């Protein structure tokens, strides 16, 4: 075990965990932030996506020891009332079906728009391609990202 000082959703937390513990399990088991989902466990599906700094990162393969002083933002910390432009666009375009992948999709989309506020269709597709949606809502996901980018939500 080791002690880590983590900045999660704008708050400091001191945790004693094994340094190899993936951030996904630190968030879910130690912090009780269960919006970040376990999908595949091998960083291929995107369900576990969080922000590390401004980057979308797969938390299932990110050991807590690699975080350092970087800020972690989860879906719970993206906005206080679920009113981030991407979250609003998601609702407006009825993206949700089963909803399992949505936190990871939203975190990936919001990181894209923070880095590139006016992405092309190809840039949206490229950024989102690693997030799997078993319900196949890809057309609505792309529409929601474009809507959020245009500030229409």
N, C-alpha and C. Protein backbone atom coordinates (compact mmCIF):
# COMPACT_ATOMS: atom_id res chain seq x y z
N UNK A 1 0.83 -1.18 0.00
CA UNK A 1 0.00 0.00 0.00
C UNK A 1 0.87 1.25 0.00
N UNK A 2 0.31 2.29 -0.60
CA UNK A 2 0.98 3.59 -0.63
C UNK A 2 -0.08 4.66 -0.48
N UNK A 3 0.32 5.83 -0.05
CA UNK A 3 -0.60 6.95 0.11
C UNK A 3 -0.50 7.85 -1.11
N UNK A 4 -1.66 8.17 -1.67
CA UNK A 4 -1.73 9.05 -2.84
C UNK A 4 -2.62 10.23 -2.52
N UNK A 5 -2.15 11.41 -2.92
CA UNK A 5 -2.94 12.63 -2.82
C UNK A 5 -3.51 12.89 -4.20
N UNK A 6 -4.80 12.70 -4.34
CA UNK A 6 -5.44 12.80 -5.64
C UNK A 6 -6.40 13.98 -5.69
N UNK A 7 -6.43 14.65 -6.82
CA UNK A 7 -7.39 15.71 -7.08
C UNK A 7 -8.46 15.12 -7.98
N UNK A 8 -9.62 14.85 -7.40
CA UNK A 8 -10.72 14.23 -8.14
C UNK A 8 -11.91 15.17 -8.11
N UNK A 9 -12.34 15.56 -9.29
CA UNK A 9 -13.49 16.46 -9.43
C UNK A 9 -13.33 17.74 -8.61
N UNK A 10 -12.10 18.26 -8.60
CA UNK A 10 -11.82 19.52 -7.93
C UNK A 10 -11.62 19.44 -6.44
N UNK A 11 -11.60 18.25 -5.88
CA UNK A 11 -11.39 18.09 -4.44
C UNK A 11 -10.18 17.20 -4.19
N UNK A 12 -9.46 17.50 -3.13
CA UNK A 12 -8.29 16.70 -2.76
C UNK A 12 -8.70 15.52 -1.90
N UNK A 13 -8.11 14.38 -2.19
CA UNK A 13 -8.39 13.16 -1.44
C UNK A 13 -7.08 12.44 -1.18
N UNK A 14 -6.93 11.93 0.03
CA UNK A 14 -5.76 11.14 0.37
C UNK A 14 -6.23 9.69 0.54
N UNK A 15 -5.63 8.80 -0.26
CA UNK A 15 -6.04 7.40 -0.25
C UNK A 15 -4.85 6.48 -0.08
N UNK A 16 -5.04 5.42 0.67
CA UNK A 16 -4.04 4.37 0.80
C UNK A 16 -4.48 3.20 -0.06
N UNK A 17 -3.78 3.00 -1.18
CA UNK A 17 -4.11 1.92 -2.10
C UNK A 17 -2.83 1.33 -2.69
N UNK A 18 -2.95 0.16 -3.23
CA UNK A 18 -1.84 -0.46 -3.95
C UNK A 18 -1.52 0.42 -5.16
N UNK A 19 -0.26 0.75 -5.41
CA UNK A 19 0.12 1.63 -6.52
C UNK A 19 -0.30 1.11 -7.90
N UNK A 20 -0.52 -0.19 -8.02
CA UNK A 20 -0.90 -0.74 -9.32
C UNK A 20 -2.42 -0.75 -9.54
N UNK A 21 -3.18 -0.31 -8.56
CA UNK A 21 -4.64 -0.30 -8.69
C UNK A 21 -5.05 0.63 -9.82
N UNK A 22 -5.84 0.13 -10.76
CA UNK A 22 -6.33 1.01 -11.83
C UNK A 22 -7.23 2.12 -11.26
N UNK A 23 -7.16 3.30 -11.85
CA UNK A 23 -7.97 4.42 -11.40
C UNK A 23 -9.45 4.08 -11.41
N UNK A 24 -9.89 3.25 -12.33
CA UNK A 24 -11.30 2.84 -12.37
C UNK A 24 -11.74 2.32 -11.01
N UNK A 25 -10.93 1.45 -10.41
CA UNK A 25 -11.30 0.84 -9.15
C UNK A 25 -11.08 1.78 -7.98
N UNK A 26 -10.12 2.69 -8.10
CA UNK A 26 -9.98 3.73 -7.07
C UNK A 26 -11.26 4.57 -7.05
N UNK A 27 -11.71 4.96 -8.24
CA UNK A 27 -12.92 5.79 -8.32
C UNK A 27 -14.15 5.05 -7.83
N UNK A 28 -14.35 3.84 -8.31
CA UNK A 28 -15.57 3.10 -7.99
C UNK A 28 -15.57 2.54 -6.56
N UNK A 29 -14.48 1.88 -6.18
CA UNK A 29 -14.46 1.18 -4.90
C UNK A 29 -14.07 2.07 -3.71
N UNK A 30 -13.14 2.97 -3.92
CA UNK A 30 -12.66 3.79 -2.81
C UNK A 30 -13.39 5.13 -2.71
N UNK A 31 -13.74 5.71 -3.87
CA UNK A 31 -14.40 7.02 -3.87
C UNK A 31 -15.92 6.92 -4.03
N UNK A 32 -16.41 5.72 -4.37
CA UNK A 32 -17.85 5.48 -4.58
C UNK A 32 -18.41 6.36 -5.71
N UNK A 33 -17.58 6.67 -6.69
CA UNK A 33 -17.99 7.40 -7.89
C UNK A 33 -18.25 6.35 -8.97
N UNK A 34 -19.47 5.88 -9.06
CA UNK A 34 -19.78 4.73 -9.89
C UNK A 34 -20.30 5.10 -11.30
N UNK A 35 -20.25 6.37 -11.64
CA UNK A 35 -20.64 6.77 -13.00
C UNK A 35 -19.67 6.27 -14.04
N UNK A 36 -18.42 6.13 -13.68
CA UNK A 36 -17.41 5.57 -14.57
C UNK A 36 -17.60 4.06 -14.57
N UNK A 37 -17.81 3.49 -15.73
CA UNK A 37 -18.19 2.07 -15.83
C UNK A 37 -17.02 1.16 -16.19
N UNK A 38 -17.13 -0.07 -15.71
CA UNK A 38 -16.23 -1.13 -16.14
C UNK A 38 -16.85 -1.76 -17.38
N UNK A 39 -16.09 -1.80 -18.47
CA UNK A 39 -16.59 -2.43 -19.69
C UNK A 39 -15.79 -3.66 -20.02
N UNK A 40 -14.61 -3.44 -20.60
CA UNK A 40 -13.82 -4.58 -21.07
C UNK A 40 -12.60 -4.87 -20.19
N UNK A 41 -12.10 -3.85 -19.50
CA UNK A 41 -10.93 -4.02 -18.66
C UNK A 41 -9.60 -3.97 -19.40
N UNK A 42 -9.65 -3.78 -20.73
CA UNK A 42 -8.41 -3.73 -21.52
C UNK A 42 -8.31 -2.46 -22.37
N UNK A 43 -9.03 -1.41 -21.96
CA UNK A 43 -8.98 -0.09 -22.60
C UNK A 43 -9.41 -0.09 -24.06
N UNK A 44 -10.34 -0.97 -24.40
CA UNK A 44 -10.78 -1.06 -25.80
C UNK A 44 -12.20 -0.54 -26.03
N UNK A 45 -13.01 -0.40 -24.98
CA UNK A 45 -14.42 -0.05 -25.20
C UNK A 45 -14.77 1.38 -24.85
N UNK A 46 -14.03 2.02 -23.96
CA UNK A 46 -14.26 3.42 -23.63
C UNK A 46 -15.23 3.67 -22.49
N UNK A 47 -15.87 2.65 -21.94
CA UNK A 47 -16.85 2.87 -20.88
C UNK A 47 -16.24 3.51 -19.63
N UNK A 48 -14.95 3.31 -19.44
CA UNK A 48 -14.26 3.79 -18.24
C UNK A 48 -13.56 5.14 -18.43
N UNK A 49 -13.87 5.85 -19.49
CA UNK A 49 -13.16 7.08 -19.82
C UNK A 49 -13.40 8.18 -18.78
N UNK A 50 -12.31 8.79 -18.35
CA UNK A 50 -12.31 9.95 -17.47
C UNK A 50 -11.35 10.97 -18.08
N UNK A 51 -11.34 12.16 -17.52
CA UNK A 51 -10.35 13.15 -17.94
C UNK A 51 -9.18 13.12 -16.95
N UNK A 52 -8.00 13.09 -17.49
CA UNK A 52 -6.77 13.29 -16.71
C UNK A 52 -6.19 14.57 -17.29
N UNK A 53 -6.28 15.63 -16.49
CA UNK A 53 -6.02 16.95 -17.06
C UNK A 53 -7.13 17.23 -18.05
N UNK A 54 -6.77 17.56 -19.28
CA UNK A 54 -7.76 17.82 -20.32
C UNK A 54 -7.91 16.65 -21.29
N UNK A 55 -7.26 15.54 -21.00
CA UNK A 55 -7.27 14.41 -21.93
C UNK A 55 -8.22 13.31 -21.50
N UNK A 56 -8.90 12.72 -22.47
CA UNK A 56 -9.74 11.56 -22.23
C UNK A 56 -8.83 10.34 -22.09
N UNK A 57 -8.97 9.62 -20.98
CA UNK A 57 -8.09 8.49 -20.67
C UNK A 57 -8.93 7.32 -20.19
N UNK A 58 -8.53 6.12 -20.58
CA UNK A 58 -9.20 4.90 -20.14
C UNK A 58 -8.71 4.55 -18.73
N UNK A 59 -9.58 4.68 -17.76
CA UNK A 59 -9.17 4.51 -16.37
C UNK A 59 -8.94 3.06 -15.97
N UNK A 60 -9.42 2.10 -16.77
CA UNK A 60 -9.23 0.69 -16.40
C UNK A 60 -7.78 0.23 -16.54
N UNK A 61 -6.99 0.96 -17.31
CA UNK A 61 -5.59 0.59 -17.52
C UNK A 61 -4.62 1.65 -16.98
N UNK A 62 -5.14 2.64 -16.25
CA UNK A 62 -4.31 3.70 -15.70
C UNK A 62 -4.05 3.43 -14.23
N UNK A 63 -2.82 3.01 -13.88
CA UNK A 63 -2.55 2.77 -12.46
C UNK A 63 -2.56 4.09 -11.68
N UNK A 64 -3.05 4.04 -10.47
CA UNK A 64 -3.14 5.23 -9.64
C UNK A 64 -1.76 5.88 -9.49
N UNK A 65 -0.72 5.10 -9.51
CA UNK A 65 0.64 5.63 -9.36
C UNK A 65 1.06 6.51 -10.53
N UNK A 66 0.40 6.40 -11.67
CA UNK A 66 0.75 7.20 -12.85
C UNK A 66 0.05 8.55 -12.90
N UNK A 67 -0.88 8.79 -12.01
CA UNK A 67 -1.67 10.02 -12.05
C UNK A 67 -0.88 11.22 -11.58
N UNK A 68 -0.10 11.04 -10.54
CA UNK A 68 0.67 12.16 -9.99
C UNK A 68 -0.26 13.25 -9.48
N UNK A 69 0.04 14.49 -9.85
CA UNK A 69 -0.75 15.63 -9.39
C UNK A 69 -1.79 16.08 -10.40
N UNK A 70 -1.97 15.31 -11.47
CA UNK A 70 -2.93 15.69 -12.48
C UNK A 70 -4.35 15.60 -11.95
N UNK A 71 -5.21 16.50 -12.39
CA UNK A 71 -6.61 16.47 -11.96
C UNK A 71 -7.37 15.39 -12.71
N UNK A 72 -8.15 14.64 -11.97
CA UNK A 72 -9.04 13.63 -12.54
C UNK A 72 -10.45 14.19 -12.52
N UNK A 73 -11.14 14.11 -13.65
CA UNK A 73 -12.54 14.51 -13.71
C UNK A 73 -13.35 13.31 -14.19
N UNK A 74 -14.37 12.98 -13.43
CA UNK A 74 -15.27 11.89 -13.78
C UNK A 74 -16.57 12.49 -14.31
N UNK A 75 -17.48 11.65 -14.77
CA UNK A 75 -18.77 12.13 -15.24
C UNK A 75 -19.49 12.90 -14.14
N UNK A 76 -19.30 12.50 -12.88
CA UNK A 76 -19.93 13.21 -11.77
C UNK A 76 -19.38 14.62 -11.61
N UNK A 77 -18.14 14.84 -12.03
CA UNK A 77 -17.51 16.15 -11.88
C UNK A 77 -17.55 17.01 -13.13
N UNK A 78 -18.12 16.49 -14.21
CA UNK A 78 -18.15 17.25 -15.46
C UNK A 78 -18.98 18.52 -15.30
N UNK A 79 -20.11 18.41 -14.64
CA UNK A 79 -20.93 19.58 -14.33
C UNK A 79 -21.76 19.28 -13.09
N UNK A 80 -22.04 20.29 -12.34
CA UNK A 80 -22.73 20.09 -11.07
C UNK A 80 -24.17 19.61 -11.25
N UNK A 81 -24.84 20.08 -12.28
CA UNK A 81 -26.25 19.77 -12.45
C UNK A 81 -26.56 19.06 -13.77
N UNK A 82 -25.55 18.41 -14.36
CA UNK A 82 -25.77 17.72 -15.63
C UNK A 82 -26.05 18.68 -16.77
N UNK A 83 -25.50 19.89 -16.67
CA UNK A 83 -25.79 20.90 -17.68
C UNK A 83 -24.59 21.28 -18.55
N UNK A 84 -23.61 20.41 -18.61
CA UNK A 84 -22.51 20.62 -19.54
C UNK A 84 -23.11 20.58 -20.95
N UNK A 85 -22.60 21.37 -21.88
CA UNK A 85 -23.17 21.39 -23.24
C UNK A 85 -23.28 20.01 -23.89
N UNK A 86 -22.31 19.12 -23.62
CA UNK A 86 -22.39 17.78 -24.20
C UNK A 86 -23.52 16.99 -23.54
N UNK A 87 -23.67 17.10 -22.24
CA UNK A 87 -24.75 16.40 -21.56
C UNK A 87 -26.11 16.90 -22.06
N UNK A 88 -26.24 18.20 -22.23
CA UNK A 88 -27.50 18.76 -22.73
C UNK A 88 -27.78 18.29 -24.15
N UNK A 89 -26.75 18.26 -24.98
CA UNK A 89 -26.91 17.79 -26.37
C UNK A 89 -27.29 16.32 -26.40
N UNK A 90 -26.74 15.53 -25.49
CA UNK A 90 -27.06 14.10 -25.40
C UNK A 90 -28.56 13.92 -25.18
N UNK A 91 -29.10 14.71 -24.26
CA UNK A 91 -30.53 14.62 -23.97
C UNK A 91 -31.37 15.13 -25.14
N UNK A 92 -30.92 16.22 -25.71
CA UNK A 92 -31.68 16.84 -26.80
C UNK A 92 -31.77 15.95 -28.03
N UNK A 93 -30.75 15.15 -28.26
CA UNK A 93 -30.75 14.27 -29.44
C UNK A 93 -31.14 12.83 -29.11
N UNK A 94 -31.57 12.59 -27.88
CA UNK A 94 -32.02 11.26 -27.45
C UNK A 94 -30.97 10.18 -27.72
N UNK A 95 -29.74 10.45 -27.35
CA UNK A 95 -28.68 9.48 -27.58
C UNK A 95 -28.89 8.21 -26.75
N UNK A 96 -29.30 8.37 -25.51
CA UNK A 96 -29.38 7.24 -24.58
C UNK A 96 -30.29 6.13 -25.07
N UNK A 97 -29.81 4.91 -24.91
CA UNK A 97 -30.67 3.73 -24.98
C UNK A 97 -30.41 2.98 -23.68
N UNK A 98 -29.51 2.01 -23.68
CA UNK A 98 -29.25 1.33 -22.41
C UNK A 98 -28.47 2.24 -21.48
N UNK A 99 -27.65 3.13 -22.03
CA UNK A 99 -26.93 4.11 -21.24
C UNK A 99 -25.59 3.67 -20.69
N UNK A 100 -25.23 2.41 -20.82
CA UNK A 100 -24.02 1.91 -20.18
C UNK A 100 -22.76 2.63 -20.66
N UNK A 101 -22.67 2.89 -21.93
CA UNK A 101 -21.46 3.51 -22.49
C UNK A 101 -21.46 5.03 -22.39
N UNK A 102 -22.57 5.61 -22.01
CA UNK A 102 -22.75 7.05 -22.17
C UNK A 102 -21.78 7.91 -21.37
N UNK A 103 -21.45 7.54 -20.16
CA UNK A 103 -20.49 8.34 -19.39
C UNK A 103 -19.16 8.43 -20.14
N UNK A 104 -18.69 7.29 -20.63
CA UNK A 104 -17.43 7.29 -21.38
C UNK A 104 -17.54 8.06 -22.68
N UNK A 105 -18.67 7.93 -23.37
CA UNK A 105 -18.90 8.68 -24.61
C UNK A 105 -18.88 10.19 -24.33
N UNK A 106 -19.60 10.60 -23.30
CA UNK A 106 -19.69 12.02 -22.94
C UNK A 106 -18.33 12.56 -22.53
N UNK A 107 -17.58 11.80 -21.77
CA UNK A 107 -16.25 12.27 -21.35
C UNK A 107 -15.31 12.40 -22.54
N UNK A 108 -15.40 11.47 -23.48
CA UNK A 108 -14.56 11.56 -24.69
C UNK A 108 -14.97 12.77 -25.52
N UNK A 109 -16.27 12.96 -25.71
CA UNK A 109 -16.76 14.08 -26.51
C UNK A 109 -16.41 15.42 -25.87
N UNK A 110 -16.56 15.52 -24.56
CA UNK A 110 -16.25 16.80 -23.90
C UNK A 110 -14.76 17.12 -23.95
N UNK A 111 -13.90 16.10 -23.86
CA UNK A 111 -12.45 16.34 -24.00
C UNK A 111 -12.14 16.79 -25.42
N UNK A 112 -12.77 16.17 -26.41
CA UNK A 112 -12.56 16.58 -27.80
C UNK A 112 -12.92 18.05 -27.97
N UNK A 113 -14.10 18.45 -27.49
CA UNK A 113 -14.56 19.82 -27.70
C UNK A 113 -13.75 20.84 -26.90
N UNK A 114 -13.17 20.42 -25.80
CA UNK A 114 -12.31 21.33 -25.04
C UNK A 114 -11.02 21.60 -25.83
N UNK A 115 -10.52 20.58 -26.51
CA UNK A 115 -9.30 20.72 -27.28
C UNK A 115 -9.55 21.26 -28.69
N UNK A 116 -10.74 20.98 -29.22
CA UNK A 116 -11.08 21.38 -30.58
C UNK A 116 -12.56 21.77 -30.60
N UNK A 117 -12.86 23.04 -30.35
CA UNK A 117 -14.25 23.47 -30.22
C UNK A 117 -15.08 23.37 -31.51
N UNK A 118 -14.44 23.24 -32.65
CA UNK A 118 -15.17 23.16 -33.92
C UNK A 118 -14.66 22.00 -34.77
N UNK A 119 -14.84 20.77 -34.29
CA UNK A 119 -14.31 19.63 -35.04
C UNK A 119 -15.11 19.35 -36.32
N UNK A 120 -14.43 18.81 -37.30
CA UNK A 120 -15.09 18.35 -38.51
C UNK A 120 -15.74 17.00 -38.22
N UNK A 121 -16.55 16.54 -39.15
CA UNK A 121 -17.16 15.21 -38.99
C UNK A 121 -16.08 14.15 -38.84
N UNK A 122 -15.04 14.24 -39.63
CA UNK A 122 -13.96 13.26 -39.58
C UNK A 122 -13.24 13.30 -38.22
N UNK A 123 -13.05 14.50 -37.68
CA UNK A 123 -12.39 14.63 -36.37
C UNK A 123 -13.28 14.06 -35.26
N UNK A 124 -14.58 14.25 -35.37
CA UNK A 124 -15.50 13.68 -34.38
C UNK A 124 -15.44 12.15 -34.47
N UNK A 125 -15.53 11.63 -35.67
CA UNK A 125 -15.49 10.18 -35.87
C UNK A 125 -14.19 9.59 -35.35
N UNK A 126 -13.08 10.27 -35.63
CA UNK A 126 -11.77 9.79 -35.18
C UNK A 126 -11.68 9.79 -33.65
N UNK A 127 -12.14 10.86 -33.02
CA UNK A 127 -12.06 10.95 -31.56
C UNK A 127 -12.96 9.93 -30.87
N UNK A 128 -14.13 9.68 -31.46
CA UNK A 128 -15.12 8.83 -30.82
C UNK A 128 -14.99 7.35 -31.19
N UNK A 129 -14.16 7.02 -32.16
CA UNK A 129 -14.12 5.66 -32.68
C UNK A 129 -13.75 4.60 -31.65
N UNK A 130 -13.06 4.94 -30.61
CA UNK A 130 -12.67 3.96 -29.61
C UNK A 130 -13.72 3.70 -28.55
N UNK A 131 -14.84 4.40 -28.63
CA UNK A 131 -15.93 4.20 -27.67
C UNK A 131 -17.00 3.35 -28.31
N UNK A 132 -17.23 2.19 -27.72
CA UNK A 132 -18.18 1.24 -28.29
C UNK A 132 -19.56 1.45 -27.67
N UNK A 133 -20.58 1.45 -28.54
CA UNK A 133 -21.97 1.52 -28.10
C UNK A 133 -22.68 0.28 -28.64
N UNK A 134 -23.03 -0.63 -27.75
CA UNK A 134 -23.70 -1.86 -28.19
C UNK A 134 -25.08 -1.59 -28.78
N UNK A 135 -25.68 -0.46 -28.41
CA UNK A 135 -27.01 -0.13 -28.94
C UNK A 135 -26.92 0.51 -30.32
N UNK A 136 -25.72 0.91 -30.74
CA UNK A 136 -25.52 1.45 -32.08
C UNK A 136 -26.03 2.87 -32.27
N UNK A 137 -25.90 3.71 -31.25
CA UNK A 137 -26.39 5.08 -31.36
C UNK A 137 -25.37 6.04 -31.96
N UNK A 138 -24.48 5.54 -32.77
CA UNK A 138 -23.37 6.34 -33.29
C UNK A 138 -23.83 7.58 -34.06
N UNK A 139 -24.89 7.46 -34.84
CA UNK A 139 -25.37 8.61 -35.61
C UNK A 139 -25.85 9.70 -34.67
N UNK A 140 -26.56 9.33 -33.62
CA UNK A 140 -27.03 10.33 -32.66
C UNK A 140 -25.89 10.88 -31.82
N UNK A 141 -24.89 10.06 -31.52
CA UNK A 141 -23.72 10.54 -30.78
C UNK A 141 -23.04 11.63 -31.59
N UNK A 142 -22.80 11.37 -32.87
CA UNK A 142 -22.15 12.36 -33.73
C UNK A 142 -22.99 13.63 -33.81
N UNK A 143 -24.28 13.48 -33.92
CA UNK A 143 -25.19 14.63 -33.98
C UNK A 143 -25.10 15.44 -32.69
N UNK A 144 -25.04 14.76 -31.55
CA UNK A 144 -24.95 15.45 -30.26
C UNK A 144 -23.63 16.19 -30.12
N UNK A 145 -22.54 15.60 -30.56
CA UNK A 145 -21.23 16.27 -30.49
C UNK A 145 -21.26 17.53 -31.36
N UNK A 146 -21.82 17.42 -32.54
CA UNK A 146 -21.93 18.59 -33.42
C UNK A 146 -22.81 19.67 -32.81
N UNK A 147 -23.91 19.27 -32.19
CA UNK A 147 -24.82 20.19 -31.56
C UNK A 147 -24.10 20.94 -30.41
N UNK A 148 -23.37 20.20 -29.59
CA UNK A 148 -22.62 20.82 -28.49
C UNK A 148 -21.53 21.74 -29.02
N UNK A 149 -20.89 21.34 -30.11
CA UNK A 149 -19.82 22.16 -30.71
C UNK A 149 -20.38 23.47 -31.24
N UNK A 150 -21.57 23.42 -31.76
CA UNK A 150 -22.20 24.63 -32.32
C UNK A 150 -22.85 25.50 -31.24
N UNK A 151 -22.81 25.03 -30.00
CA UNK A 151 -23.39 25.79 -28.91
C UNK A 151 -24.89 25.89 -28.96
N UNK A 152 -25.53 24.93 -29.60
CA UNK A 152 -26.97 24.98 -29.78
C UNK A 152 -27.72 24.26 -28.66
N UNK A 153 -27.02 23.59 -27.79
CA UNK A 153 -27.72 22.86 -26.73
C UNK A 153 -27.77 23.67 -25.46
